[in-house]
Amino acid sequence: MNYTTVPSPVGNLLLAADDAGLRYIGFPEGKGHVTPGEGWHVACDGVIEQTARQLAEYFAGTRREFDLPLAPHGTPFQLDVLAALQTIPYGATRSYTDIARQIGRPAALRAVGAANGRNPLPIVVPCHRVIGTSGKLVGFGGGLRTKQRLLDLERGVQTSLAGMD
């Protein structure tokens, strides 16, 4: 596994990839923190370079969709949730109930929340676009402040990322 860290308006992000594709995006701290493991090597390969470029475009407001080879890990249920997250349009939000219904498991709200919380590819697989049924922000590996800033960015609120680095 190759990895590097890249600066972003929400702090340095750890990007990790292997021959299968992008495996992890980690926030500087909190639940979304990723620590390099055994067999990980500092390197900036093609997938990592692509990811860094596309994230920079996203933060600049010029990219709305990512086009990267993704290789997330997880159970079949978790991968179903990740696939559903990728259908949420830029600037939109969905509730955990919406995602549970979309994957054909309407009673699995907590399991959807847990799978969303284990998303190894935040931002690219937009778990920040999932909110509570009441419309409130709930849970995010990078923290609720970062989640709000990402949603603001997508809604065209220009000042929300200022001062985040």
C-alpha atoms as a PDB file:
ATOM      1  CA  MET A   1       0.000   0.000   0.000  1.00  0.00           C
ATOM      2  CA  ASN A   2       1.334   3.421  -0.964  1.00  0.00           C
ATOM      3  CA  TYR A   3       0.321   6.552   0.895  1.00  0.00           C
ATOM      4  CA  THR A   4       0.990  10.235   1.228  1.00  0.00           C
ATOM      5  CA  THR A   5      -0.582  13.215   2.918  1.00  0.00           C
ATOM      6  CA  VAL A   6      -1.911  16.203   1.026  1.00  0.00           C
ATOM      7  CA  PRO A   7      -2.936  19.595   2.351  1.00  0.00           C
ATOM      8  CA  SER A   8      -6.586  20.580   2.089  1.00  0.00           C
ATOM      9  CA  PRO A   9      -8.838  23.259   3.540  1.00  0.00           C
ATOM     10  CA  VAL A  10     -10.037  20.675   6.111  1.00  0.00           C
ATOM     11  CA  GLY A  11      -6.527  19.685   7.199  1.00  0.00           C
ATOM     12  CA  ASN A  12      -3.946  17.280   5.840  1.00  0.00           C
ATOM     13  CA  LEU A  13      -5.606  14.229   4.315  1.00  0.00           C
ATOM     14  CA  LEU A  14      -3.909  10.842   4.197  1.00  0.00           C
ATOM     15  CA  LEU A  15      -4.426   9.134   0.831  1.00  0.00           C
ATOM     16  CA  ALA A  16      -3.645   5.429   0.465  1.00  0.00           C
ATOM     17  CA  ALA A  17      -3.857   3.252  -2.632  1.00  0.00           C
ATOM     18  CA  ASP A  18      -2.639  -0.051  -3.990  1.00  0.00           C
ATOM     19  CA  ASP A  19      -2.864  -1.807  -7.351  1.00  0.00           C
ATOM     20  CA  ALA A  20      -6.640  -2.219  -6.916  1.00  0.00           C
ATOM     21  CA  GLY A  21      -7.265   1.515  -6.474  1.00  0.00           C
ATOM     22  CA  LEU A  22      -7.854   4.120  -3.793  1.00  0.00           C
ATOM     23  CA  ARG A  23      -8.276   2.421  -0.406  1.00  0.00           C
ATOM     24  CA  TYR A  24      -8.377   5.183   2.203  1.00  0.00           C
ATOM     25  CA  ILE A  25      -8.815   8.870   2.755  1.00  0.00           C
ATOM     26  CA  GLY A  26      -8.076   9.792   6.340  1.00  0.00           C
ATOM     27  CA  PHE A  27      -8.686  12.971   8.276  1.00  0.00           C
ATOM     28  CA  PRO A  28      -5.990  14.436  10.547  1.00  0.00           C
ATOM     29  CA  GLU A  29      -7.778  13.257  13.704  1.00  0.00           C
ATOM     30  CA  GLY A  30     -11.061  11.894  15.018  1.00  0.00           C
ATOM     31  CA  LYS A  31     -12.956   8.842  13.832  1.00  0.00           C
ATOM     32  CA  GLY A  32     -11.775   9.415  10.282  1.00  0.00           C
ATOM     33  CA  HIS A  33      -8.109   9.227  11.278  1.00  0.00           C
ATOM     34  CA  VAL A  34      -6.086   6.616   9.379  1.00  0.00           C
ATOM     35  CA  THR A  35      -2.678   5.467  10.573  1.00  0.00           C
ATOM     36  CA  PRO A  36      -0.284   3.846   8.092  1.00  0.00           C
ATOM     37  CA  GLY A  37      -0.016   0.129   8.726  1.00  0.00           C
ATOM     38  CA  GLU A  38       2.624  -2.509   8.284  1.00  0.00           C
ATOM     39  CA  GLY A  39       3.687  -2.753   4.666  1.00  0.00           C
ATOM     40  CA  TRP A  40       2.635   0.811   3.859  1.00  0.00           C
ATOM     41  CA  HIS A  41       5.163   2.929   1.969  1.00  0.00           C
ATOM     42  CA  VAL A  42       5.327   6.661   1.455  1.00  0.00           C
ATOM     43  CA  ALA A  43       4.862   7.118  -2.274  1.00  0.00           C
ATOM     44  CA  CYS A  44       2.761   9.201  -4.601  1.00  0.00           C
ATOM     45  CA  ASP A  45       1.638   6.843  -7.352  1.00  0.00           C
ATOM     46  CA  GLY A  46      -0.772   7.565 -10.182  1.00  0.00           C
ATOM     47  CA  VAL A  47      -3.962   6.906  -8.196  1.00  0.00           C
ATOM     48  CA  ILE A  48      -2.781   9.069  -5.319  1.00  0.00           C
ATOM     49  CA  GLU A  49      -1.753  11.845  -7.718  1.00  0.00           C
ATOM     50  CA  GLN A  50      -5.163  11.649  -9.432  1.00  0.00           C
ATOM     51  CA  THR A  51      -6.922  11.754  -6.074  1.00  0.00           C
ATOM     52  CA  ALA A  52      -4.908  14.744  -4.863  1.00  0.00           C
ATOM     53  CA  ARG A  53      -5.655  16.629  -8.092  1.00  0.00           C
ATOM     54  CA  GLN A  54      -9.372  15.825  -8.017  1.00  0.00           C
ATOM     55  CA  LEU A  55      -9.673  16.750  -4.330  1.00  0.00           C
ATOM     56  CA  ALA A  56      -7.954  20.087  -5.042  1.00  0.00           C
ATOM     57  CA  GLU A  57     -10.466  20.696  -7.856  1.00  0.00           C
ATOM     58  CA  TYR A  58     -13.338  19.758  -5.525  1.00  0.00           C
ATOM     59  CA  PHE A  59     -12.154  22.209  -2.857  1.00  0.00           C
ATOM     60  CA  ALA A  60     -11.699  24.895  -5.528  1.00  0.00           C
ATOM     61  CA  GLY A  61     -15.343  24.374  -6.513  1.00  0.00           C
ATOM     62  CA  THR A  62     -14.559  23.151 -10.033  1.00  0.00           C
ATOM     63  CA  ARG A  63     -15.232  19.410  -9.541  1.00  0.00           C
ATOM     64  CA  ARG A  64     -18.612  17.948  -8.618  1.00  0.00           C
ATOM     65  CA  GLU A  65     -17.953  14.250  -9.270  1.00  0.00           C
ATOM     66  CA  PHE A  66     -14.889  12.102  -8.761  1.00  0.00           C
ATOM     67  CA  ASP A  67     -13.535   9.775 -11.423  1.00  0.00           C
ATOM     68  CA  LEU A  68     -11.129   7.506  -9.561  1.00  0.00           C
ATOM     69  CA  PRO A  69     -10.490   3.770  -9.322  1.00  0.00           C
ATOM     70  CA  LEU A  70     -11.970   2.984  -5.900  1.00  0.00           C
ATOM     71  CA  ALA A  71     -11.195  -0.145  -3.888  1.00  0.00           C
ATOM     72  CA  PRO A  72     -13.066   0.198  -0.596  1.00  0.00           C
ATOM     73  CA  HIS A  73     -13.168  -2.695   1.811  1.00  0.00           C
ATOM     74  CA  GLY A  74     -16.186  -3.857   3.798  1.00  0.00           C
ATOM     75  CA  THR A  75     -18.964  -6.366   4.084  1.00  0.00           C
ATOM     76  CA  PRO A  76     -21.448  -6.724   1.225  1.00  0.00           C
ATOM     77  CA  PHE A  77     -23.906  -4.609   3.246  1.00  0.00           C
ATOM     78  CA  GLN A  78     -21.306  -1.866   3.810  1.00  0.00           C
ATOM     79  CA  LEU A  79     -20.403  -1.862   0.130  1.00  0.00           C
ATOM     80  CA  ASP A  80     -24.116  -1.526  -0.750  1.00  0.00           C
ATOM     81  CA  VAL A  81     -24.295   1.532   1.502  1.00  0.00           C
ATOM     82  CA  LEU A  82     -21.147   3.008  -0.080  1.00  0.00           C
ATOM     83  CA  ALA A  83     -22.646   2.476  -3.541  1.00  0.00           C
ATOM     84  CA  ALA A  84     -25.829   4.259  -2.447  1.00  0.00           C
ATOM     85  CA  LEU A  85     -23.821   7.177  -1.064  1.00  0.00           C
ATOM     86  CA  GLN A  86     -22.234   7.667  -4.471  1.00  0.00           C
ATOM     87  CA  THR A  87     -25.676   8.348  -5.977  1.00  0.00           C
ATOM     88  CA  ILE A  88     -26.308  11.413  -3.778  1.00  0.00           C
ATOM     89  CA  PRO A  89     -25.917  14.417  -6.070  1.00  0.00           C
ATOM     90  CA  TYR A  90     -23.441  17.199  -5.355  1.00  0.00           C
ATOM     91  CA  GLY A  91     -25.058  19.774  -3.075  1.00  0.00           C
ATOM     92  CA  ALA A  92     -27.893  17.452  -2.008  1.00  0.00           C
ATOM     93  CA  THR A  93     -28.438  15.504   1.184  1.00  0.00           C
ATOM     94  CA  ARG A  94     -30.184  12.279   2.089  1.00  0.00           C
ATOM     95  CA  SER A  95     -31.220  10.807   5.419  1.00  0.00           C
ATOM     96  CA  TYR A  96     -30.208   7.451   6.829  1.00  0.00           C
ATOM     97  CA  THR A  97     -33.812   6.419   6.189  1.00  0.00           C
ATOM     98  CA  ASP A  98     -33.458   7.348   2.521  1.00  0.00           C
ATOM     99  CA  ILE A  99     -30.287   5.254   2.186  1.00  0.00           C
ATOM    100  CA  ALA A 100     -31.841   2.289   4.014  1.00  0.00           C
ATOM    101  CA  ARG A 101     -34.819   2.355   1.648  1.00  0.00           C
ATOM    102  CA  GLN A 102     -32.573   2.767  -1.387  1.00  0.00           C
ATOM    103  CA  ILE A 103     -30.650  -0.419  -0.583  1.00  0.00           C
ATOM    104  CA  GLY A 104     -33.855  -2.338   0.127  1.00  0.00           C
ATOM    105  CA  ARG A 105     -33.346  -2.527   3.912  1.00  0.00           C
ATOM    106  CA  PRO A 106     -35.798   0.074   5.298  1.00  0.00           C
ATOM    107  CA  ALA A 107     -35.494  -1.160   8.893  1.00  0.00           C
ATOM    108  CA  ALA A 108     -31.683  -1.106   8.913  1.00  0.00           C
ATOM    109  CA  LEU A 109     -31.217   2.533   9.935  1.00  0.00           C
ATOM    110  CA  ARG A 110     -28.602   1.862  12.602  1.00  0.00           C
ATOM    111  CA  ALA A 111     -26.695  -0.516  10.348  1.00  0.00           C
ATOM    112  CA  VAL A 112     -26.736   2.110   7.597  1.00  0.00           C
ATOM    113  CA  GLY A 113     -25.413   4.656  10.098  1.00  0.00           C
ATOM    114  CA  ALA A 114     -22.655   2.273  11.171  1.00  0.00           C
ATOM    115  CA  ALA A 115     -21.682   1.507   7.556  1.00  0.00           C
ATOM    116  CA  ASN A 116     -21.692   5.216   6.740  1.00  0.00           C
ATOM    117  CA  GLY A 117     -19.428   5.812   9.730  1.00  0.00           C
ATOM    118  CA  ARG A 118     -16.950   3.200   8.480  1.00  0.00           C
ATOM    119  CA  ASN A 119     -16.636   4.754   5.025  1.00  0.00           C
ATOM    120  CA  PRO A 120     -12.930   4.453   4.174  1.00  0.00           C
ATOM    121  CA  LEU A 121     -13.207   7.050   1.365  1.00  0.00           C
ATOM    122  CA  PRO A 122     -14.911  10.152   2.792  1.00  0.00           C
ATOM    123  CA  ILE A 123     -15.469  13.124   0.501  1.00  0.00           C
ATOM    124  CA  VAL A 124     -14.994  10.959  -2.621  1.00  0.00           C
ATOM    125  CA  VAL A 125     -17.748   8.617  -1.385  1.00  0.00           C
ATOM    126  CA  PRO A 126     -19.852  11.460   0.025  1.00  0.00           C
ATOM    127  CA  CYS A 127     -20.906  10.297   3.481  1.00  0.00           C
ATOM    128  CA  HIS A 128     -20.966  13.979   4.493  1.00  0.00           C
ATOM    129  CA  ARG A 129     -24.185  14.280   2.469  1.00  0.00           C
ATOM    130  CA  VAL A 130     -26.078  12.011   4.888  1.00  0.00           C
ATOM    131  CA  ILE A 131     -27.957  13.824   7.639  1.00  0.00           C
ATOM    132  CA  GLY A 132     -30.483  12.903  10.295  1.00  0.00           C
ATOM    133  CA  THR A 133     -34.155  12.546   9.391  1.00  0.00           C
ATOM    134  CA  SER A 134     -34.799  15.784  11.277  1.00  0.00           C
ATOM    135  CA  GLY A 135     -32.380  17.603   8.974  1.00  0.00           C
ATOM    136  CA  LYS A 136     -29.706  17.931  11.658  1.00  0.00           C
ATOM    137  CA  LEU A 137     -26.070  17.109  11.064  1.00  0.00           C
ATOM    138  CA  VAL A 138     -25.109  13.861  12.733  1.00  0.00           C
ATOM    139  CA  GLY A 139     -21.852  11.921  12.880  1.00  0.00           C
ATOM    140  CA  PHE A 140     -18.904  12.429  10.583  1.00  0.00           C
ATOM    141  CA  GLY A 141     -15.385  11.014  10.842  1.00  0.00           C
ATOM    142  CA  GLY A 142     -13.859  14.423  10.167  1.00  0.00           C
ATOM    143  CA  GLY A 143     -16.090  16.139  12.737  1.00  0.00           C
ATOM    144  CA  LEU A 144     -19.374  18.001  12.354  1.00  0.00           C
ATOM    145  CA  ARG A 145     -17.610  21.306  11.639  1.00  0.00           C
ATOM    146  CA  THR A 146     -15.887  19.742   8.635  1.00  0.00           C
ATOM    147  CA  LYS A 147     -19.145  18.123   7.519  1.00  0.00           C
ATOM    148  CA  GLN A 148     -20.900  21.507   7.612  1.00  0.00           C
ATOM    149  CA  ARG A 149     -18.054  23.114   5.684  1.00  0.00           C
ATOM    150  CA  LEU A 150     -18.191  20.452   2.959  1.00  0.00           C
ATOM    151  CA  LEU A 151     -21.963  20.894   2.624  1.00  0.00           C
ATOM    152  CA  ASP A 152     -21.535  24.683   2.525  1.00  0.00           C
ATOM    153  CA  LEU A 153     -18.910  24.334  -0.209  1.00  0.00           C
ATOM    154  CA  GLU A 154     -21.315  22.266  -2.282  1.00  0.00           C
ATOM    155  CA  ARG A 155     -24.113  24.763  -1.726  1.00  0.00           C
ATOM    156  CA  GLY A 156     -21.946  27.643  -2.927  1.00  0.00           C
ATOM    157  CA  VAL A 157     -21.247  29.253   0.440  1.00  0.00           C
ATOM    158  CA  GLN A 158     -17.856  30.696  -0.509  1.00  0.00           C
ATOM    159  CA  THR A 159     -16.469  31.643   2.892  1.00  0.00           C
ATOM    160  CA  SER A 160     -17.047  28.353   4.711  1.00  0.00           C
ATOM    161  CA  LEU A 161     -13.617  26.843   4.039  1.00  0.00           C
ATOM    162  CA  ALA A 162     -11.682  29.954   4.995  1.00  0.00           C
ATOM    163  CA  GLY A 163      -9.447  29.408   7.973  1.00  0.00           C
ATOM    164  CA  MET A 164      -9.768  25.623   7.941  1.00  0.00           C
ATOM    165  CA  ASP A 165      -6.110  24.892   7.145  1.00  0.00           C
END
